[in-house]
């Protein structure tokens, strides 16, 4: 699996770039799957970010992140690095 991160200030064409790139990819390979995650200042909280990341990934693979999401919902929240490692290894 590949991960692409596009980062730039507002108005620099990130959405347009990625939408056009995905359209080309889908024409060349109809099985291309992509998850979209938009972030704002409120997503600086690691637990919130990871929960939203898992939700975005679940739009293309329903069972991904089960263990990581379970860890995020536990009474004793583990470090974000632990949850992220678990997610990557799923």
PDB file of N, CA and C in Angstrom:
ATOM      1  N   UNK A   1       0.843  -1.174   0.000  1.00  0.00           N
ATOM      2  CA  UNK A   1       0.000   0.000   0.000  1.00  0.00           C
ATOM      3  C   UNK A   1       0.886   1.233   0.000  1.00  0.00           C
ATOM      4  N   UNK A   2       0.416   2.240  -0.663  1.00  0.00           N
ATOM      5  CA  UNK A   2       1.156   3.497  -0.718  1.00  0.00           C
ATOM      6  C   UNK A   2       0.380   4.588   0.003  1.00  0.00           C
ATOM      7  N   UNK A   3       1.111   5.539   0.498  1.00  0.00           N
ATOM      8  CA  UNK A   3       0.519   6.694   1.160  1.00  0.00           C
ATOM      9  C   UNK A   3       1.065   7.936   0.488  1.00  0.00           C
ATOM     10  N   UNK A   4       0.167   8.842   0.129  1.00  0.00           N
ATOM     11  CA  UNK A   4       0.592  10.107  -0.450  1.00  0.00           C
ATOM     12  C   UNK A   4       0.125  11.222   0.476  1.00  0.00           C
ATOM     13  N   UNK A   5       1.010  12.126   0.772  1.00  0.00           N
ATOM     14  CA  UNK A   5       0.680  13.286   1.586  1.00  0.00           C
ATOM     15  C   UNK A   5       0.901  14.522   0.739  1.00  0.00           C
ATOM     16  N   UNK A   6      -0.118  15.351   0.645  1.00  0.00           N
ATOM     17  CA  UNK A   6      -0.015  16.615  -0.075  1.00  0.00           C
ATOM     18  C   UNK A   6      -0.233  17.712   0.948  1.00  0.00           C
ATOM     19  N   UNK A   7       0.733  18.596   1.066  1.00  0.00           N
ATOM     20  CA  UNK A   7       0.661  19.655   2.068  1.00  0.00           C
ATOM     21  C   UNK A   7       1.084  20.979   1.447  1.00  0.00           C
ATOM     22  N   UNK A   8       0.256  21.981   1.611  1.00  0.00           N
ATOM     23  CA  UNK A   8       0.559  23.330   1.134  1.00  0.00           C
ATOM     24  C   UNK A   8      -0.475  24.267   1.750  1.00  0.00           C
ATOM     25  N   UNK A   9      -0.196  25.564   1.747  1.00  0.00           N
ATOM     26  CA  UNK A   9      -1.172  26.521   2.282  1.00  0.00           C
ATOM     27  C   UNK A   9      -2.469  26.520   1.465  1.00  0.00           C
ATOM     28  N   UNK A  10      -3.500  27.100   2.044  1.00  0.00           N
ATOM     29  CA  UNK A  10      -4.794  27.210   1.373  1.00  0.00           C
ATOM     30  C   UNK A  10      -4.648  27.948   0.048  1.00  0.00           C
ATOM     31  N   UNK A  11      -5.367  27.463  -0.951  1.00  0.00           N
ATOM     32  CA  UNK A  11      -5.390  28.142  -2.239  1.00  0.00           C
ATOM     33  C   UNK A  11      -4.284  27.756  -3.199  1.00  0.00           C
ATOM     34  N   UNK A  12      -3.465  26.776  -2.853  1.00  0.00           N
ATOM     35  CA  UNK A  12      -2.357  26.383  -3.708  1.00  0.00           C
ATOM     36  C   UNK A  12      -2.712  25.257  -4.677  1.00  0.00           C
ATOM     37  N   UNK A  13      -3.965  24.779  -4.665  1.00  0.00           N
ATOM     38  CA  UNK A  13      -4.405  23.790  -5.646  1.00  0.00           C
ATOM     39  C   UNK A  13      -4.249  22.339  -5.237  1.00  0.00           C
ATOM     40  N   UNK A  14      -4.167  22.071  -3.944  1.00  0.00           N
ATOM     41  CA  UNK A  14      -3.996  20.682  -3.474  1.00  0.00           C
ATOM     42  C   UNK A  14      -5.163  19.801  -3.903  1.00  0.00           C
ATOM     43  N   UNK A  15      -6.369  20.260  -3.654  1.00  0.00           N
ATOM     44  CA  UNK A  15      -7.549  19.460  -3.981  1.00  0.00           C
ATOM     45  C   UNK A  15      -7.634  19.209  -5.475  1.00  0.00           C
ATOM     46  N   UNK A  16      -7.409  20.232  -6.266  1.00  0.00           N
ATOM     47  CA  UNK A  16      -7.449  20.089  -7.720  1.00  0.00           C
ATOM     48  C   UNK A  16      -6.387  19.110  -8.196  1.00  0.00           C
ATOM     49  N   UNK A  17      -5.182  19.243  -7.689  1.00  0.00           N
ATOM     50  CA  UNK A  17      -4.088  18.351  -8.070  1.00  0.00           C
ATOM     51  C   UNK A  17      -4.429  16.895  -7.777  1.00  0.00           C
ATOM     52  N   UNK A  18      -4.869  16.622  -6.563  1.00  0.00           N
ATOM     53  CA  UNK A  18      -5.149  15.240  -6.175  1.00  0.00           C
ATOM     54  C   UNK A  18      -6.360  14.699  -6.925  1.00  0.00           C
ATOM     55  N   UNK A  19      -7.395  15.503  -7.106  1.00  0.00           N
ATOM     56  CA  UNK A  19      -8.580  15.051  -7.840  1.00  0.00           C
ATOM     57  C   UNK A  19      -8.224  14.698  -9.285  1.00  0.00           C
ATOM     58  N   UNK A  20      -7.417  15.524  -9.923  1.00  0.00           N
ATOM     59  CA  UNK A  20      -6.996  15.238 -11.297  1.00  0.00           C
ATOM     60  C   UNK A  20      -6.110  13.998 -11.352  1.00  0.00           C
ATOM     61  N   UNK A  21      -5.200  13.865 -10.408  1.00  0.00           N
ATOM     62  CA  UNK A  21      -4.319  12.698 -10.355  1.00  0.00           C
ATOM     63  C   UNK A  21      -5.134  11.419 -10.171  1.00  0.00           C
ATOM     64  N   UNK A  22      -6.118  11.454  -9.264  1.00  0.00           N
ATOM     65  CA  UNK A  22      -6.970  10.279  -9.040  1.00  0.00           C
ATOM     66  C   UNK A  22      -7.785   9.935 -10.282  1.00  0.00           C
ATOM     67  N   UNK A  23      -8.278  10.938 -10.982  1.00  0.00           N
ATOM     68  CA  UNK A  23      -9.049  10.688 -12.202  1.00  0.00           C
ATOM     69  C   UNK A  23      -8.196   9.961 -13.236  1.00  0.00           C
ATOM     70  N   UNK A  24      -6.954  10.374 -13.396  1.00  0.00           N
ATOM     71  CA  UNK A  24      -6.043   9.706 -14.330  1.00  0.00           C
ATOM     72  C   UNK A  24      -5.763   8.280 -13.862  1.00  0.00           C
ATOM     73  N   UNK A  25      -5.486   8.121 -12.586  1.00  0.00           N
ATOM     74  CA  UNK A  25      -5.211   6.785 -12.036  1.00  0.00           C
ATOM     75  C   UNK A  25      -6.394   5.850 -12.245  1.00  0.00           C
ATOM     76  N   UNK A  26      -7.598   6.342 -12.020  1.00  0.00           N
ATOM     77  CA  UNK A  26      -8.794   5.512 -12.172  1.00  0.00           C
ATOM     78  C   UNK A  26      -9.041   5.129 -13.623  1.00  0.00           C
ATOM     79  N   UNK A  27      -8.670   6.003 -14.559  1.00  0.00           N
ATOM     80  CA  UNK A  27      -8.800   5.649 -15.977  1.00  0.00           C
ATOM     81  C   UNK A  27      -7.802   4.561 -16.344  1.00  0.00           C
ATOM     82  N   UNK A  28      -6.584   4.664 -15.818  1.00  0.00           N
ATOM     83  CA  UNK A  28      -5.536   3.692 -16.136  1.00  0.00           C
ATOM     84  C   UNK A  28      -5.717   2.381 -15.384  1.00  0.00           C
ATOM     85  N   UNK A  29      -6.189   2.457 -14.174  1.00  0.00           N
ATOM     86  CA  UNK A  29      -6.359   1.277 -13.314  1.00  0.00           C
ATOM     87  C   UNK A  29      -7.658   1.433 -12.527  1.00  0.00           C
ATOM     88  N   UNK A  30      -8.751   0.854 -13.039  1.00  0.00           N
ATOM     89  CA  UNK A  30     -10.056   1.038 -12.390  1.00  0.00           C
ATOM     90  C   UNK A  30     -10.122   0.567 -10.940  1.00  0.00           C
ATOM     91  N   UNK A  31      -9.195  -0.251 -10.495  1.00  0.00           N
ATOM     92  CA  UNK A  31      -9.228  -0.754  -9.120  1.00  0.00           C
ATOM     93  C   UNK A  31      -8.525   0.162  -8.122  1.00  0.00           C
ATOM     94  N   UNK A  32      -8.080   1.317  -8.564  1.00  0.00           N
ATOM     95  CA  UNK A  32      -7.415   2.260  -7.662  1.00  0.00           C
ATOM     96  C   UNK A  32      -8.400   2.692  -6.581  1.00  0.00           C
ATOM     97  N   UNK A  33      -7.929   2.664  -5.341  1.00  0.00           N
ATOM     98  CA  UNK A  33      -8.766   3.088  -4.219  1.00  0.00           C
ATOM     99  C   UNK A  33      -8.035   4.196  -3.477  1.00  0.00           C
ATOM    100  N   UNK A  34      -8.783   5.179  -3.046  1.00  0.00           N
ATOM    101  CA  UNK A  34      -8.176   6.300  -2.330  1.00  0.00           C
ATOM    102  C   UNK A  34      -9.083   6.727  -1.186  1.00  0.00           C
ATOM    103  N   UNK A  35      -8.464   7.124  -0.107  1.00  0.00           N
ATOM    104  CA  UNK A  35      -9.192   7.677   1.039  1.00  0.00           C
ATOM    105  C   UNK A  35      -8.820   9.148   1.146  1.00  0.00           C
ATOM    106  N   UNK A  36      -9.783   9.968   1.479  1.00  0.00           N
ATOM    107  CA  UNK A  36      -9.583  11.416   1.537  1.00  0.00           C
ATOM    108  C   UNK A  36      -9.731  11.872   2.979  1.00  0.00           C
ATOM    109  N   UNK A  37      -8.750  12.606   3.463  1.00  0.00           N
ATOM    110  CA  UNK A  37      -8.788  13.120   4.831  1.00  0.00           C
ATOM    111  C   UNK A  37      -8.399  14.586   4.808  1.00  0.00           C
ATOM    112  N   UNK A  38      -9.321  15.439   5.189  1.00  0.00           N
ATOM    113  CA  UNK A  38      -9.043  16.872   5.298  1.00  0.00           C
ATOM    114  C   UNK A  38      -8.833  17.198   6.767  1.00  0.00           C
ATOM    115  N   UNK A  39      -7.856  18.006   7.037  1.00  0.00           N
ATOM    116  CA  UNK A  39      -7.493  18.323   8.417  1.00  0.00           C
ATOM    117  C   UNK A  39      -7.688  19.801   8.717  1.00  0.00           C
ATOM    118  N   UNK A  40      -7.918  20.089   9.991  1.00  0.00           N
ATOM    119  CA  UNK A  40      -7.933  21.471  10.453  1.00  0.00           C
ATOM    120  C   UNK A  40      -7.225  21.529  11.805  1.00  0.00           C
ATOM    121  N   UNK A  41      -7.205  22.692  12.424  1.00  0.00           N
ATOM    122  CA  UNK A  41      -6.464  22.869  13.681  1.00  0.00           C
ATOM    123  C   UNK A  41      -6.937  21.937  14.786  1.00  0.00           C
ATOM    124  N   UNK A  42      -8.213  21.584  14.777  1.00  0.00           N
ATOM    125  CA  UNK A  42      -8.746  20.702  15.803  1.00  0.00           C
ATOM    126  C   UNK A  42      -8.196  19.291  15.735  1.00  0.00           C
ATOM    127  N   UNK A  43      -7.601  18.951  14.607  1.00  0.00           N
ATOM    128  CA  UNK A  43      -7.067  17.605  14.420  1.00  0.00           C
ATOM    129  C   UNK A  43      -5.634  17.464  14.926  1.00  0.00           C
ATOM    130  N   UNK A  44      -5.151  18.456  15.659  1.00  0.00           N
ATOM    131  CA  UNK A  44      -3.814  18.367  16.260  1.00  0.00           C
ATOM    132  C   UNK A  44      -3.769  17.367  17.415  1.00  0.00           C
ATOM    133  N   UNK A  45      -4.922  17.008  17.941  1.00  0.00           N
ATOM    134  CA  UNK A  45      -4.990  15.999  18.989  1.00  0.00           C
ATOM    135  C   UNK A  45      -4.728  14.634  18.351  1.00  0.00           C
ATOM    136  N   UNK A  46      -3.682  13.914  18.777  1.00  0.00           N
ATOM    137  CA  UNK A  46      -3.326  12.644  18.132  1.00  0.00           C
ATOM    138  C   UNK A  46      -4.457  11.620  18.112  1.00  0.00           C
ATOM    139  N   UNK A  47      -5.207  11.484  19.196  1.00  0.00           N
ATOM    140  CA  UNK A  47      -6.291  10.498  19.232  1.00  0.00           C
ATOM    141  C   UNK A  47      -7.384  10.852  18.221  1.00  0.00           C
ATOM    142  N   UNK A  48      -7.722  12.123  18.157  1.00  0.00           N
ATOM    143  CA  UNK A  48      -8.743  12.567  17.201  1.00  0.00           C
ATOM    144  C   UNK A  48      -8.261  12.360  15.771  1.00  0.00           C
ATOM    145  N   UNK A  49      -7.015  12.737  15.494  1.00  0.00           N
ATOM    146  CA  UNK A  49      -6.452  12.548  14.158  1.00  0.00           C
ATOM    147  C   UNK A  49      -6.482  11.076  13.756  1.00  0.00           C
ATOM    148  N   UNK A  50      -6.032  10.199  14.652  1.00  0.00           N
ATOM    149  CA  UNK A  50      -5.981   8.774  14.329  1.00  0.00           C
ATOM    150  C   UNK A  50      -7.380   8.198  14.118  1.00  0.00           C
ATOM    151  N   UNK A  51      -8.344   8.637  14.902  1.00  0.00           N
ATOM    152  CA  UNK A  51      -9.724   8.168  14.715  1.00  0.00           C
ATOM    153  C   UNK A  51     -10.252   8.592  13.344  1.00  0.00           C
ATOM    154  N   UNK A  52      -9.976   9.833  12.938  1.00  0.00           N
ATOM    155  CA  UNK A  52     -10.415  10.305  11.621  1.00  0.00           C
ATOM    156  C   UNK A  52      -9.663   9.598  10.496  1.00  0.00           C
ATOM    157  N   UNK A  53      -8.385   9.323  10.713  1.00  0.00           N
ATOM    158  CA  UNK A  53      -7.601   8.598   9.713  1.00  0.00           C
ATOM    159  C   UNK A  53      -8.185   7.207   9.498  1.00  0.00           C
ATOM    160  N   UNK A  54      -8.494   6.523  10.590  1.00  0.00           N
ATOM    161  CA  UNK A  54      -9.085   5.188  10.485  1.00  0.00           C
ATOM    162  C   UNK A  54     -10.440   5.261   9.778  1.00  0.00           C
ATOM    163  N   UNK A  55     -11.252   6.253  10.112  1.00  0.00           N
ATOM    164  CA  UNK A  55     -12.557   6.412   9.454  1.00  0.00           C
ATOM    165  C   UNK A  55     -12.386   6.626   7.950  1.00  0.00           C
ATOM    166  N   UNK A  56     -11.402   7.416   7.555  1.00  0.00           N
ATOM    167  CA  UNK A  56     -11.151   7.644   6.130  1.00  0.00           C
ATOM    168  C   UNK A  56     -10.712   6.352   5.451  1.00  0.00           C
ATOM    169  N   UNK A  57      -9.818   5.609   6.084  1.00  0.00           N
ATOM    170  CA  UNK A  57      -9.344   4.350   5.504  1.00  0.00           C
ATOM    171  C   UNK A  57     -10.463   3.322   5.402  1.00  0.00           C
ATOM    172  N   UNK A  58     -11.397   3.377   6.319  1.00  0.00           N
ATOM    173  CA  UNK A  58     -12.513   2.421   6.299  1.00  0.00           C
ATOM    174  C   UNK A  58     -13.486   2.682   5.148  1.00  0.00           C
ATOM    175  N   UNK A  59     -13.384   3.815   4.498  1.00  0.00           N
ATOM    176  CA  UNK A  59     -14.227   4.048   3.324  1.00  0.00           C
ATOM    177  C   UNK A  59     -13.785   3.186   2.154  1.00  0.00           C
ATOM    178  N   UNK A  60     -12.554   2.682   2.204  1.00  0.00           N
ATOM    179  CA  UNK A  60     -12.070   1.814   1.126  1.00  0.00           C
ATOM    180  C   UNK A  60     -11.821   0.380   1.582  1.00  0.00           C
ATOM    181  N   UNK A  61     -11.681   0.161   2.872  1.00  0.00           N
ATOM    182  CA  UNK A  61     -11.496  -1.187   3.413  1.00  0.00           C
ATOM    183  C   UNK A  61     -12.139  -1.232   4.802  1.00  0.00           C
ATOM    184  N   UNK A  62     -13.313  -1.827   4.866  1.00  0.00           N
ATOM    185  CA  UNK A  62     -14.172  -1.732   6.048  1.00  0.00           C
ATOM    186  C   UNK A  62     -13.551  -2.237   7.345  1.00  0.00           C
ATOM    187  N   UNK A  63     -12.691  -3.215   7.289  1.00  0.00           N
ATOM    188  CA  UNK A  63     -12.169  -3.818   8.519  1.00  0.00           C
ATOM    189  C   UNK A  63     -10.820  -3.274   8.963  1.00  0.00           C
ATOM    190  N   UNK A  64     -10.267  -2.351   8.231  1.00  0.00           N
ATOM    191  CA  UNK A  64      -8.942  -1.840   8.589  1.00  0.00           C
ATOM    192  C   UNK A  64      -9.016  -1.039   9.894  1.00  0.00           C
ATOM    193  N   UNK A  65      -8.006  -1.184  10.698  1.00  0.00           N
ATOM    194  CA  UNK A  65      -7.894  -0.373  11.903  1.00  0.00           C
ATOM    195  C   UNK A  65      -8.683  -0.849  13.098  1.00  0.00           C
ATOM    196  N   UNK A  66      -9.171  -2.084  13.071  1.00  0.00           N
ATOM    197  CA  UNK A  66      -9.985  -2.570  14.200  1.00  0.00           C
ATOM    198  C   UNK A  66      -9.212  -2.509  15.514  1.00  0.00           C
ATOM    199  N   UNK A  67      -7.996  -3.029  15.500  1.00  0.00           N
ATOM    200  CA  UNK A  67      -7.194  -3.033  16.722  1.00  0.00           C
ATOM    201  C   UNK A  67      -6.816  -1.632  17.165  1.00  0.00           C
ATOM    202  N   UNK A  68      -6.439  -0.802  16.208  1.00  0.00           N
ATOM    203  CA  UNK A  68      -6.048   0.571  16.524  1.00  0.00           C
ATOM    204  C   UNK A  68      -7.237   1.356  17.077  1.00  0.00           C
ATOM    205  N   UNK A  69      -8.406   1.181  16.481  1.00  0.00           N
ATOM    206  CA  UNK A  69      -9.596   1.882  16.958  1.00  0.00           C
ATOM    207  C   UNK A  69      -9.986   1.404  18.351  1.00  0.00           C
ATOM    208  N   UNK A  70      -9.847   0.121  18.578  1.00  0.00           N
ATOM    209  CA  UNK A  70     -10.128  -0.428  19.904  1.00  0.00           C
ATOM    210  C   UNK A  70      -9.190   0.190  20.942  1.00  0.00           C
ATOM    211  N   UNK A  71      -7.917   0.329  20.577  1.00  0.00           N
ATOM    212  CA  UNK A  71      -6.944   0.944  21.487  1.00  0.00           C
ATOM    213  C   UNK A  71      -7.312   2.397  21.778  1.00  0.00           C
ATOM    214  N   UNK A  72      -7.797   3.113  20.765  1.00  0.00           N
ATOM    215  CA  UNK A  72      -8.189   4.516  20.949  1.00  0.00           C
ATOM    216  C   UNK A  72      -9.411   4.658  21.849  1.00  0.00           C
ATOM    217  N   UNK A  73     -10.225   3.625  21.909  1.00  0.00           N
ATOM    218  CA  UNK A  73     -11.445   3.677  22.713  1.00  0.00           C
ATOM    219  C   UNK A  73     -11.250   3.104  24.112  1.00  0.00           C
ATOM    220  N   UNK A  74     -10.046   2.652  24.414  1.00  0.00           N
ATOM    221  CA  UNK A  74      -9.794   2.069  25.731  1.00  0.00           C
ATOM    222  C   UNK A  74      -9.707   3.171  26.788  1.00  0.00           C
ATOM    223  N   UNK A  75     -10.011   2.838  28.051  1.00  0.00           N
ATOM    224  CA  UNK A  75      -9.950   3.838  29.122  1.00  0.00           C
ATOM    225  C   UNK A  75      -8.542   4.415  29.310  1.00  0.00           C
ATOM    226  N   UNK A  76      -7.539   3.590  29.111  1.00  0.00           N
ATOM    227  CA  UNK A  76      -6.139   4.020  29.225  1.00  0.00           C
ATOM    228  C   UNK A  76      -5.596   4.197  27.812  1.00  0.00           C
ATOM    229  N   UNK A  77      -5.611   5.421  27.304  1.00  0.00           N
ATOM    230  CA  UNK A  77      -5.188   5.698  25.939  1.00  0.00           C
ATOM    231  C   UNK A  77      -3.690   5.457  25.775  1.00  0.00           C
ATOM    232  N   UNK A  78      -3.294   4.563  24.848  1.00  0.00           N
ATOM    233  CA  UNK A  78      -1.867   4.329  24.624  1.00  0.00           C
ATOM    234  C   UNK A  78      -1.250   5.503  23.858  1.00  0.00           C
ATOM    235  N   UNK A  79       0.083   5.594  23.834  1.00  0.00           N
ATOM    236  CA  UNK A  79       0.730   6.653  23.051  1.00  0.00           C
ATOM    237  C   UNK A  79       0.333   6.556  21.572  1.00  0.00           C
ATOM    238  N   UNK A  80       0.242   7.694  20.916  1.00  0.00           N
ATOM    239  CA  UNK A  80      -0.164   7.733  19.508  1.00  0.00           C
ATOM    240  C   UNK A  80       0.745   6.875  18.637  1.00  0.00           C
ATOM    241  N   UNK A  81       2.031   6.838  18.956  1.00  0.00           N
ATOM    242  CA  UNK A  81       2.976   6.045  18.168  1.00  0.00           C
ATOM    243  C   UNK A  81       2.617   4.565  18.200  1.00  0.00           C
ATOM    244  N   UNK A  82       2.147   4.094  19.341  1.00  0.00           N
ATOM    245  CA  UNK A  82       1.755   2.687  19.482  1.00  0.00           C
ATOM    246  C   UNK A  82       0.538   2.396  18.603  1.00  0.00           C
ATOM    247  N   UNK A  83      -0.446   3.281  18.644  1.00  0.00           N
ATOM    248  CA  UNK A  83      -1.664   3.097  17.850  1.00  0.00           C
ATOM    249  C   UNK A  83      -1.337   3.175  16.364  1.00  0.00           C
ATOM    250  N   UNK A  84      -0.514   4.126  15.972  1.00  0.00           N
ATOM    251  CA  UNK A  84      -0.144   4.274  14.567  1.00  0.00           C
ATOM    252  C   UNK A  84       0.621   3.052  14.075  1.00  0.00           C
ATOM    253  N   UNK A  85       1.533   2.545  14.880  1.00  0.00           N
ATOM    254  CA  UNK A  85       2.274   1.337  14.510  1.00  0.00           C
ATOM    255  C   UNK A  85       1.320   0.168  14.326  1.00  0.00           C
ATOM    256  N   UNK A  86       0.367   0.048  15.224  1.00  0.00           N
ATOM    257  CA  UNK A  86      -0.627  -1.023  15.118  1.00  0.00           C
ATOM    258  C   UNK A  86      -1.431  -0.878  13.829  1.00  0.00           C
ATOM    259  N   UNK A  87      -1.833   0.339  13.504  1.00  0.00           N
ATOM    260  CA  UNK A  87      -2.598   0.585  12.284  1.00  0.00           C
ATOM    261  C   UNK A  87      -1.778   0.229  11.047  1.00  0.00           C
ATOM    262  N   UNK A  88      -0.542   0.656  11.010  1.00  0.00           N
ATOM    263  CA  UNK A  88       0.320   0.376   9.858  1.00  0.00           C
ATOM    264  C   UNK A  88       0.504  -1.122   9.664  1.00  0.00           C
ATOM    265  N   UNK A  89       0.627  -1.843  10.759  1.00  0.00           N
ATOM    266  CA  UNK A  89       0.868  -3.283  10.673  1.00  0.00           C
ATOM    267  C   UNK A  89      -0.390  -4.094  10.388  1.00  0.00           C
ATOM    268  N   UNK A  90      -1.544  -3.462  10.420  1.00  0.00           N
ATOM    269  CA  UNK A  90      -2.773  -4.171  10.068  1.00  0.00           C
ATOM    270  C   UNK A  90      -2.863  -4.246   8.570  1.00  0.00           C
TER     271      UNK A  90
END
